[in-house]
Amino acid sequence: MQPDPVYISILRDPVKQLESAFTFFNIDKAIYGVWYSLSFEAFMKRPKLFTPRINKDKQPYIHNNQMYDFGLDEENFKNIDFINKTIRQLDREMDLVLINEFYEESLVLLSKVLCWDLQDMVYISTNMRGRQHIHHKIGKDLRRQIRGWNSADVMLYDYFVKRLHERIAEYGPSFADDFATFKRLQFNFETNCPAKKSKMETSKTHLNDNDQARCNYFRGSAAEMDARLRKAMKKKIEGNVKD
């Protein structure tokens, strides 16, 4: 394999991340000793009380889960110096940290890191909550409570948002043109290859065979994508390993 792998990750606004995790993992129904569905707002008023009552396997998702995924133990969630050292270490080790709220800007930067064409960075959004699912309204007070509860994640997120904008400045004047080009490529791709099949596509009057195959590739499930990546990596490894 190549001697210099590229290390990337992605972060999300801790407020949005916690609200989403609370719903996705059904935290309201996973709290021992509470025989009713606990609202997100009620949980955030006393998170220290309710968190120990949540199933052990779900607890990491609601308390600084992004820093936890980077290896920060719960005992250091309030250790400001240790958190800052961890963040600086991550900055040294990561080639790029993408930001969900600046996703397309992040992809333009990633294209440079990977030496890929902008056309290679187009995507289809999947697994997004529909209107039929619960969306909790986040006011100023609730936002403040979340940021206080997940303060380590906030430090991590705010640091790398700043770094992202620094990377954009370092990219130079051509970033605006490249970003506009990518937005156009992405718009054309979404128009010709929506996340769900259209009637026009089904009747084969909308896409040619090559476009159809490409759309199907992007629409694959996470499990299918993982399988394709493993297959490609296995082929690459076997091609580089010599007796």
C-alpha atoms as a PDB file:
ATOM      1  CA  MET A   1       0.000   0.000   0.000  1.00  0.00           C
ATOM      2  CA  GLN A   2       1.020   3.619  -0.330  1.00  0.00           C
ATOM      3  CA  PRO A   3       3.204   4.824   2.570  1.00  0.00           C
ATOM      4  CA  ASP A   4       1.213   8.006   3.231  1.00  0.00           C
ATOM      5  CA  PRO A   5      -2.492   7.367   3.848  1.00  0.00           C
ATOM      6  CA  VAL A   6      -4.868  10.325   3.998  1.00  0.00           C
ATOM      7  CA  TYR A   7      -6.697  10.855   7.277  1.00  0.00           C
ATOM      8  CA  ILE A   8     -10.037  12.637   7.159  1.00  0.00           C
ATOM      9  CA  SER A   9     -13.082  12.949   9.384  1.00  0.00           C
ATOM     10  CA  ILE A  10     -16.273  14.977   9.594  1.00  0.00           C
ATOM     11  CA  LEU A  11     -17.917  16.951  12.396  1.00  0.00           C
ATOM     12  CA  ARG A  12     -21.434  18.207  12.905  1.00  0.00           C
ATOM     13  CA  ASP A  13     -22.832  21.084  14.954  1.00  0.00           C
ATOM     14  CA  PRO A  14     -23.093  19.510  18.459  1.00  0.00           C
ATOM     15  CA  VAL A  15     -26.564  21.008  18.938  1.00  0.00           C
ATOM     16  CA  LYS A  16     -27.924  19.347  15.796  1.00  0.00           C
ATOM     17  CA  GLN A  17     -25.969  16.175  16.510  1.00  0.00           C
ATOM     18  CA  LEU A  18     -27.467  15.666  19.959  1.00  0.00           C
ATOM     19  CA  GLU A  19     -31.014  16.459  18.866  1.00  0.00           C
ATOM     20  CA  SER A  20     -30.697  13.999  16.005  1.00  0.00           C
ATOM     21  CA  ALA A  21     -29.154  11.267  18.174  1.00  0.00           C
ATOM     22  CA  PHE A  22     -31.867  11.634  20.807  1.00  0.00           C
ATOM     23  CA  THR A  23     -34.483  10.873  18.156  1.00  0.00           C
ATOM     24  CA  PHE A  24     -32.580   8.315  16.084  1.00  0.00           C
ATOM     25  CA  PHE A  25     -31.588   6.149  19.058  1.00  0.00           C
ATOM     26  CA  ASN A  26     -34.983   6.513  20.767  1.00  0.00           C
ATOM     27  CA  ILE A  27     -33.377   7.848  23.929  1.00  0.00           C
ATOM     28  CA  ASP A  28     -36.787   8.884  25.228  1.00  0.00           C
ATOM     29  CA  LYS A  29     -37.715   5.202  25.495  1.00  0.00           C
ATOM     30  CA  ALA A  30     -34.344   3.924  26.718  1.00  0.00           C
ATOM     31  CA  ILE A  31     -34.273   5.461  30.203  1.00  0.00           C
ATOM     32  CA  TYR A  32     -34.673   3.071  33.117  1.00  0.00           C
ATOM     33  CA  GLY A  33     -37.151   4.100  35.771  1.00  0.00           C
ATOM     34  CA  VAL A  34     -39.055   6.453  33.482  1.00  0.00           C
ATOM     35  CA  TRP A  35     -42.278   4.792  32.356  1.00  0.00           C
ATOM     36  CA  TYR A  36     -43.293   7.468  29.895  1.00  0.00           C
ATOM     37  CA  SER A  37     -41.750   8.995  26.815  1.00  0.00           C
ATOM     38  CA  LEU A  38     -39.359  11.677  28.067  1.00  0.00           C
ATOM     39  CA  SER A  39     -39.233  14.816  25.957  1.00  0.00           C
ATOM     40  CA  PHE A  40     -35.939  16.141  24.672  1.00  0.00           C
ATOM     41  CA  GLU A  41     -36.503  19.387  26.534  1.00  0.00           C
ATOM     42  CA  ALA A  42     -37.138  17.547  29.824  1.00  0.00           C
ATOM     43  CA  PHE A  43     -34.017  15.455  29.328  1.00  0.00           C
ATOM     44  CA  MET A  44     -31.846  18.521  28.741  1.00  0.00           C
ATOM     45  CA  LYS A  45     -33.041  20.142  31.952  1.00  0.00           C
ATOM     46  CA  ARG A  46     -31.471  17.295  33.987  1.00  0.00           C
ATOM     47  CA  PRO A  47     -29.084  15.362  31.702  1.00  0.00           C
ATOM     48  CA  LYS A  48     -26.830  14.323  34.597  1.00  0.00           C
ATOM     49  CA  LEU A  49     -29.798  12.650  36.283  1.00  0.00           C
ATOM     50  CA  PHE A  50     -31.106  10.789  33.240  1.00  0.00           C
ATOM     51  CA  THR A  51     -27.890   9.791  31.443  1.00  0.00           C
ATOM     52  CA  PRO A  52     -26.847   7.071  33.947  1.00  0.00           C
ATOM     53  CA  ARG A  53     -30.287   5.490  33.475  1.00  0.00           C
ATOM     54  CA  ILE A  54     -29.868   5.117  29.711  1.00  0.00           C
ATOM     55  CA  ASN A  55     -28.799   1.803  28.216  1.00  0.00           C
ATOM     56  CA  LYS A  56     -25.004   1.632  28.417  1.00  0.00           C
ATOM     57  CA  ASP A  57     -24.606   1.122  24.672  1.00  0.00           C
ATOM     58  CA  LYS A  58     -26.508   4.348  23.944  1.00  0.00           C
ATOM     59  CA  GLN A  59     -24.931   6.657  26.514  1.00  0.00           C
ATOM     60  CA  PRO A  60     -21.950   7.672  24.338  1.00  0.00           C
ATOM     61  CA  TYR A  61     -24.280   9.060  21.671  1.00  0.00           C
ATOM     62  CA  ILE A  62     -25.681  11.815  23.867  1.00  0.00           C
ATOM     63  CA  HIS A  63     -22.668  13.174  25.737  1.00  0.00           C
ATOM     64  CA  ASN A  64     -19.755  14.614  23.755  1.00  0.00           C
ATOM     65  CA  ASN A  65     -19.972  11.713  21.345  1.00  0.00           C
ATOM     66  CA  GLN A  66     -17.735  13.305  18.709  1.00  0.00           C
ATOM     67  CA  MET A  67     -14.857  13.813  21.140  1.00  0.00           C
ATOM     68  CA  TYR A  68     -15.584  10.352  22.546  1.00  0.00           C
ATOM     69  CA  ASP A  69     -15.176   8.877  19.063  1.00  0.00           C
ATOM     70  CA  PHE A  70     -11.776  10.565  18.865  1.00  0.00           C
ATOM     71  CA  GLY A  71     -10.716   8.785  22.050  1.00  0.00           C
ATOM     72  CA  LEU A  72     -11.504  11.278  24.821  1.00  0.00           C
ATOM     73  CA  ASP A  73     -12.623   9.487  27.986  1.00  0.00           C
ATOM     74  CA  GLU A  74     -15.596  10.771  29.948  1.00  0.00           C
ATOM     75  CA  GLU A  75     -13.356  11.598  32.906  1.00  0.00           C
ATOM     76  CA  ASN A  76     -11.734  14.308  30.756  1.00  0.00           C
ATOM     77  CA  PHE A  77     -14.919  15.888  29.383  1.00  0.00           C
ATOM     78  CA  LYS A  78     -14.376  18.962  31.604  1.00  0.00           C
ATOM     79  CA  ASN A  79     -10.577  19.005  31.461  1.00  0.00           C
ATOM     80  CA  ILE A  80     -10.091  22.087  29.282  1.00  0.00           C
ATOM     81  CA  ASP A  81      -6.301  21.769  28.978  1.00  0.00           C
ATOM     82  CA  PHE A  82      -6.494  18.097  28.021  1.00  0.00           C
ATOM     83  CA  ILE A  83      -9.262  18.766  25.494  1.00  0.00           C
ATOM     84  CA  ASN A  84      -7.234  21.528  23.857  1.00  0.00           C
ATOM     85  CA  LYS A  85      -4.170  19.269  23.659  1.00  0.00           C
ATOM     86  CA  THR A  86      -6.296  16.516  22.116  1.00  0.00           C
ATOM     87  CA  ILE A  87      -7.730  18.903  19.524  1.00  0.00           C
ATOM     88  CA  ARG A  88      -4.296  20.219  18.559  1.00  0.00           C
ATOM     89  CA  GLN A  89      -3.038  16.651  18.232  1.00  0.00           C
ATOM     90  CA  LEU A  90      -5.955  15.804  15.957  1.00  0.00           C
ATOM     91  CA  ASP A  91      -5.188  18.874  13.852  1.00  0.00           C
ATOM     92  CA  ARG A  92      -1.631  17.635  13.382  1.00  0.00           C
ATOM     93  CA  GLU A  93      -2.747  14.120  12.472  1.00  0.00           C
ATOM     94  CA  MET A  94      -5.731  14.845  10.227  1.00  0.00           C
ATOM     95  CA  ASP A  95      -5.260  15.881   6.618  1.00  0.00           C
ATOM     96  CA  LEU A  96      -8.719  17.421   6.644  1.00  0.00           C
ATOM     97  CA  VAL A  97     -11.708  17.621   8.955  1.00  0.00           C
ATOM     98  CA  LEU A  98     -14.899  18.221   7.011  1.00  0.00           C
ATOM     99  CA  ILE A  99     -17.757  20.212   8.530  1.00  0.00           C
ATOM    100  CA  ASN A 100     -21.308  19.039   7.913  1.00  0.00           C
ATOM    101  CA  GLU A 101     -22.709  22.589   7.909  1.00  0.00           C
ATOM    102  CA  PHE A 102     -20.128  23.534   5.243  1.00  0.00           C
ATOM    103  CA  TYR A 103     -20.301  20.221   3.448  1.00  0.00           C
ATOM    104  CA  GLU A 104     -19.813  21.346  -0.135  1.00  0.00           C
ATOM    105  CA  GLU A 105     -17.007  23.742   0.804  1.00  0.00           C
ATOM    106  CA  SER A 106     -15.404  20.791   2.597  1.00  0.00           C
ATOM    107  CA  LEU A 107     -15.706  18.595  -0.499  1.00  0.00           C
ATOM    108  CA  VAL A 108     -13.924  21.162  -2.653  1.00  0.00           C
ATOM    109  CA  LEU A 109     -11.054  21.155  -0.149  1.00  0.00           C
ATOM    110  CA  LEU A 110     -11.131  17.352  -0.045  1.00  0.00           C
ATOM    111  CA  SER A 111     -10.805  17.169  -3.827  1.00  0.00           C
ATOM    112  CA  LYS A 112      -7.447  18.916  -3.499  1.00  0.00           C
ATOM    113  CA  VAL A 113      -6.307  16.683  -0.647  1.00  0.00           C
ATOM    114  CA  LEU A 114      -7.176  13.543  -2.615  1.00  0.00           C
ATOM    115  CA  CYS A 115      -6.124  14.944  -6.002  1.00  0.00           C
ATOM    116  CA  TRP A 116      -9.576  14.092  -7.362  1.00  0.00           C
ATOM    117  CA  ASP A 117     -11.587  15.952  -9.959  1.00  0.00           C
ATOM    118  CA  LEU A 118     -14.540  17.972  -8.715  1.00  0.00           C
ATOM    119  CA  GLN A 119     -16.786  15.639 -10.715  1.00  0.00           C
ATOM    120  CA  ASP A 120     -15.640  12.833  -8.409  1.00  0.00           C
ATOM    121  CA  MET A 121     -17.063  14.660  -5.386  1.00  0.00           C
ATOM    122  CA  VAL A 122     -20.760  14.758  -6.355  1.00  0.00           C
ATOM    123  CA  TYR A 123     -23.100  12.961  -3.973  1.00  0.00           C
ATOM    124  CA  ILE A 124     -26.662  11.917  -3.162  1.00  0.00           C
ATOM    125  CA  SER A 125     -28.143  12.765   0.250  1.00  0.00           C
ATOM    126  CA  THR A 126     -29.569   9.680   1.960  1.00  0.00           C
ATOM    127  CA  ASN A 127     -30.912   8.684   5.383  1.00  0.00           C
ATOM    128  CA  MET A 128     -32.303  12.142   6.024  1.00  0.00           C
ATOM    129  CA  ARG A 129     -35.240  12.608   8.378  1.00  0.00           C
ATOM    130  CA  GLY A 130     -38.486  13.291   6.586  1.00  0.00           C
ATOM    131  CA  ARG A 131     -41.242  15.607   7.720  1.00  0.00           C
ATOM    132  CA  GLN A 132     -43.050  12.639   9.251  1.00  0.00           C
ATOM    133  CA  HIS A 133     -40.263  12.185  11.812  1.00  0.00           C
ATOM    134  CA  ILE A 134     -39.812  14.124  15.029  1.00  0.00           C
ATOM    135  CA  HIS A 135     -37.892  17.394  14.817  1.00  0.00           C
ATOM    136  CA  HIS A 136     -37.352  19.209  18.108  1.00  0.00           C
ATOM    137  CA  LYS A 137     -37.451  22.988  17.976  1.00  0.00           C
ATOM    138  CA  ILE A 138     -34.216  24.392  19.382  1.00  0.00           C
ATOM    139  CA  GLY A 139     -34.600  27.779  21.046  1.00  0.00           C
ATOM    140  CA  LYS A 140     -31.879  29.930  22.599  1.00  0.00           C
ATOM    141  CA  ASP A 141     -32.193  28.414  26.086  1.00  0.00           C
ATOM    142  CA  LEU A 142     -32.177  24.826  24.826  1.00  0.00           C
ATOM    143  CA  ARG A 143     -29.235  25.563  22.553  1.00  0.00           C
ATOM    144  CA  ARG A 144     -27.313  26.997  25.506  1.00  0.00           C
ATOM    145  CA  GLN A 145     -28.099  23.902  27.599  1.00  0.00           C
ATOM    146  CA  ILE A 146     -26.914  21.560  24.851  1.00  0.00           C
ATOM    147  CA  ARG A 147     -23.683  23.462  24.288  1.00  0.00           C
ATOM    148  CA  GLY A 148     -23.010  23.405  28.023  1.00  0.00           C
ATOM    149  CA  TRP A 149     -23.706  19.671  28.313  1.00  0.00           C
ATOM    150  CA  ASN A 150     -21.572  18.841  25.261  1.00  0.00           C
ATOM    151  CA  SER A 151     -18.930  21.494  25.837  1.00  0.00           C
ATOM    152  CA  ALA A 152     -16.063  19.246  24.708  1.00  0.00           C
ATOM    153  CA  ASP A 153     -17.769  18.672  21.369  1.00  0.00           C
ATOM    154  CA  VAL A 154     -18.362  22.417  21.080  1.00  0.00           C
ATOM    155  CA  MET A 155     -14.656  23.110  21.562  1.00  0.00           C
ATOM    156  CA  LEU A 156     -13.791  20.509  18.932  1.00  0.00           C
ATOM    157  CA  TYR A 157     -16.379  21.768  16.454  1.00  0.00           C
ATOM    158  CA  ASP A 158     -15.616  25.470  16.851  1.00  0.00           C
ATOM    159  CA  TYR A 159     -11.880  24.817  16.414  1.00  0.00           C
ATOM    160  CA  PHE A 160     -12.274  22.916  13.160  1.00  0.00           C
ATOM    161  CA  VAL A 161     -14.866  25.313  11.742  1.00  0.00           C
ATOM    162  CA  LYS A 162     -12.220  27.996  12.150  1.00  0.00           C
ATOM    163  CA  ARG A 163      -9.603  25.702  10.581  1.00  0.00           C
ATOM    164  CA  LEU A 164     -11.908  25.024   7.638  1.00  0.00           C
ATOM    165  CA  HIS A 165     -12.197  28.737   6.891  1.00  0.00           C
ATOM    166  CA  GLU A 166      -8.427  29.063   7.239  1.00  0.00           C
ATOM    167  CA  ARG A 167      -7.991  26.244   4.715  1.00  0.00           C
ATOM    168  CA  ILE A 168     -10.356  28.008   2.329  1.00  0.00           C
ATOM    169  CA  ALA A 169      -8.270  31.197   2.644  1.00  0.00           C
ATOM    170  CA  GLU A 170      -5.099  29.168   2.031  1.00  0.00           C
ATOM    171  CA  TYR A 171      -6.703  27.648  -1.075  1.00  0.00           C
ATOM    172  CA  GLY A 172      -6.523  31.065  -2.668  1.00  0.00           C
ATOM    173  CA  PRO A 173      -8.698  33.111  -5.033  1.00  0.00           C
ATOM    174  CA  SER A 174      -9.517  30.083  -7.193  1.00  0.00           C
ATOM    175  CA  PHE A 175     -11.664  28.609  -4.425  1.00  0.00           C
ATOM    176  CA  ALA A 176     -14.663  30.739  -5.399  1.00  0.00           C
ATOM    177  CA  ASP A 177     -14.479  29.542  -9.007  1.00  0.00           C
ATOM    178  CA  ASP A 178     -13.976  25.907  -8.012  1.00  0.00           C
ATOM    179  CA  PHE A 179     -16.834  26.114  -5.519  1.00  0.00           C
ATOM    180  CA  ALA A 180     -19.135  27.557  -8.178  1.00  0.00           C
ATOM    181  CA  THR A 181     -18.080  24.797 -10.580  1.00  0.00           C
ATOM    182  CA  PHE A 182     -18.802  22.129  -7.992  1.00  0.00           C
ATOM    183  CA  LYS A 183     -22.202  23.638  -7.164  1.00  0.00           C
ATOM    184  CA  ARG A 184     -23.079  23.450 -10.863  1.00  0.00           C
ATOM    185  CA  LEU A 185     -21.876  19.846 -11.136  1.00  0.00           C
ATOM    186  CA  GLN A 186     -23.825  18.913  -8.022  1.00  0.00           C
ATOM    187  CA  PHE A 187     -26.988  20.620  -9.249  1.00  0.00           C
ATOM    188  CA  ASN A 188     -26.798  18.821 -12.589  1.00  0.00           C
ATOM    189  CA  PHE A 189     -26.187  15.507 -10.859  1.00  0.00           C
ATOM    190  CA  GLU A 190     -29.105  15.942  -8.452  1.00  0.00           C
ATOM    191  CA  THR A 191     -31.347  16.958 -11.348  1.00  0.00           C
ATOM    192  CA  ASN A 192     -30.457  13.898 -13.438  1.00  0.00           C
ATOM    193  CA  CYS A 193     -30.074  11.488 -10.549  1.00  0.00           C
ATOM    194  CA  PRO A 194     -32.500  12.256  -7.692  1.00  0.00           C
ATOM    195  CA  ALA A 195     -32.273  10.221  -4.499  1.00  0.00           C
ATOM    196  CA  LYS A 196     -35.503   8.436  -5.475  1.00  0.00           C
ATOM    197  CA  LYS A 197     -36.346   7.112  -8.911  1.00  0.00           C
ATOM    198  CA  SER A 198     -38.684   9.253 -10.930  1.00  0.00           C
ATOM    199  CA  LYS A 199     -41.393   8.058 -13.317  1.00  0.00           C
ATOM    200  CA  MET A 200     -39.388   9.498 -16.192  1.00  0.00           C
ATOM    201  CA  GLU A 201     -36.374   7.484 -15.148  1.00  0.00           C
ATOM    202  CA  THR A 202     -38.445   4.330 -14.838  1.00  0.00           C
ATOM    203  CA  SER A 203     -39.689   4.782 -18.388  1.00  0.00           C
ATOM    204  CA  LYS A 204     -36.056   5.127 -19.522  1.00  0.00           C
ATOM    205  CA  THR A 205     -36.711   8.432 -21.251  1.00  0.00           C
ATOM    206  CA  HIS A 206     -34.618  10.428 -18.772  1.00  0.00           C
ATOM    207  CA  LEU A 207     -31.269   8.665 -18.443  1.00  0.00           C
ATOM    208  CA  ASN A 208     -28.984   6.746 -20.750  1.00  0.00           C
ATOM    209  CA  ASP A 209     -27.529   3.393 -19.662  1.00  0.00           C
ATOM    210  CA  ASN A 210     -24.311   4.909 -18.313  1.00  0.00           C
ATOM    211  CA  ASP A 211     -26.171   7.516 -16.262  1.00  0.00           C
ATOM    212  CA  GLN A 212     -28.593   4.859 -15.004  1.00  0.00           C
ATOM    213  CA  ALA A 213     -25.745   2.653 -13.788  1.00  0.00           C
ATOM    214  CA  ARG A 214     -24.101   5.631 -12.085  1.00  0.00           C
ATOM    215  CA  CYS A 215     -27.320   6.586 -10.321  1.00  0.00           C
ATOM    216  CA  ASN A 216     -27.838   3.045  -9.079  1.00  0.00           C
ATOM    217  CA  TYR A 217     -24.276   3.025  -7.780  1.00  0.00           C
ATOM    218  CA  PHE A 218     -24.841   6.169  -5.727  1.00  0.00           C
ATOM    219  CA  ARG A 219     -28.217   4.998  -4.463  1.00  0.00           C
ATOM    220  CA  GLY A 220     -26.752   1.864  -2.875  1.00  0.00           C
ATOM    221  CA  SER A 221     -27.229   1.314   0.837  1.00  0.00           C
ATOM    222  CA  ALA A 222     -24.446   1.946   3.335  1.00  0.00           C
ATOM    223  CA  ALA A 223     -23.880  -1.823   3.555  1.00  0.00           C
ATOM    224  CA  GLU A 224     -23.581  -2.079  -0.234  1.00  0.00           C
ATOM    225  CA  MET A 225     -21.163   0.828  -0.335  1.00  0.00           C
ATOM    226  CA  ASP A 226     -19.059  -0.725   2.437  1.00  0.00           C
ATOM    227  CA  ALA A 227     -18.947  -4.008   0.518  1.00  0.00           C
ATOM    228  CA  ARG A 228     -17.795  -2.233  -2.657  1.00  0.00           C
ATOM    229  CA  LEU A 229     -15.110  -0.326  -0.766  1.00  0.00           C
ATOM    230  CA  ARG A 230     -13.840  -3.497   0.916  1.00  0.00           C
ATOM    231  CA  LYS A 231     -13.742  -5.276  -2.438  1.00  0.00           C
ATOM    232  CA  ALA A 232     -11.812  -2.403  -4.023  1.00  0.00           C
ATOM    233  CA  MET A 233      -9.402  -2.195  -1.076  1.00  0.00           C
ATOM    234  CA  LYS A 234      -8.847  -5.965  -1.121  1.00  0.00           C
ATOM    235  CA  LYS A 235      -8.006  -5.801  -4.820  1.00  0.00           C
ATOM    236  CA  LYS A 236      -5.657  -2.892  -4.199  1.00  0.00           C
ATOM    237  CA  ILE A 237      -3.909  -4.646  -1.298  1.00  0.00           C
ATOM    238  CA  GLU A 238      -3.514  -7.889  -3.202  1.00  0.00           C
ATOM    239  CA  GLY A 239      -2.071  -5.961  -6.118  1.00  0.00           C
ATOM    240  CA  ASN A 240       0.554  -4.303  -3.906  1.00  0.00           C
ATOM    241  CA  VAL A 241       1.506  -7.267  -1.746  1.00  0.00           C
ATOM    242  CA  LYS A 242       4.393  -9.233  -3.177  1.00  0.00           C
ATOM    243  CA  ASP A 243       5.667 -12.642  -2.170  1.00  0.00           C
END
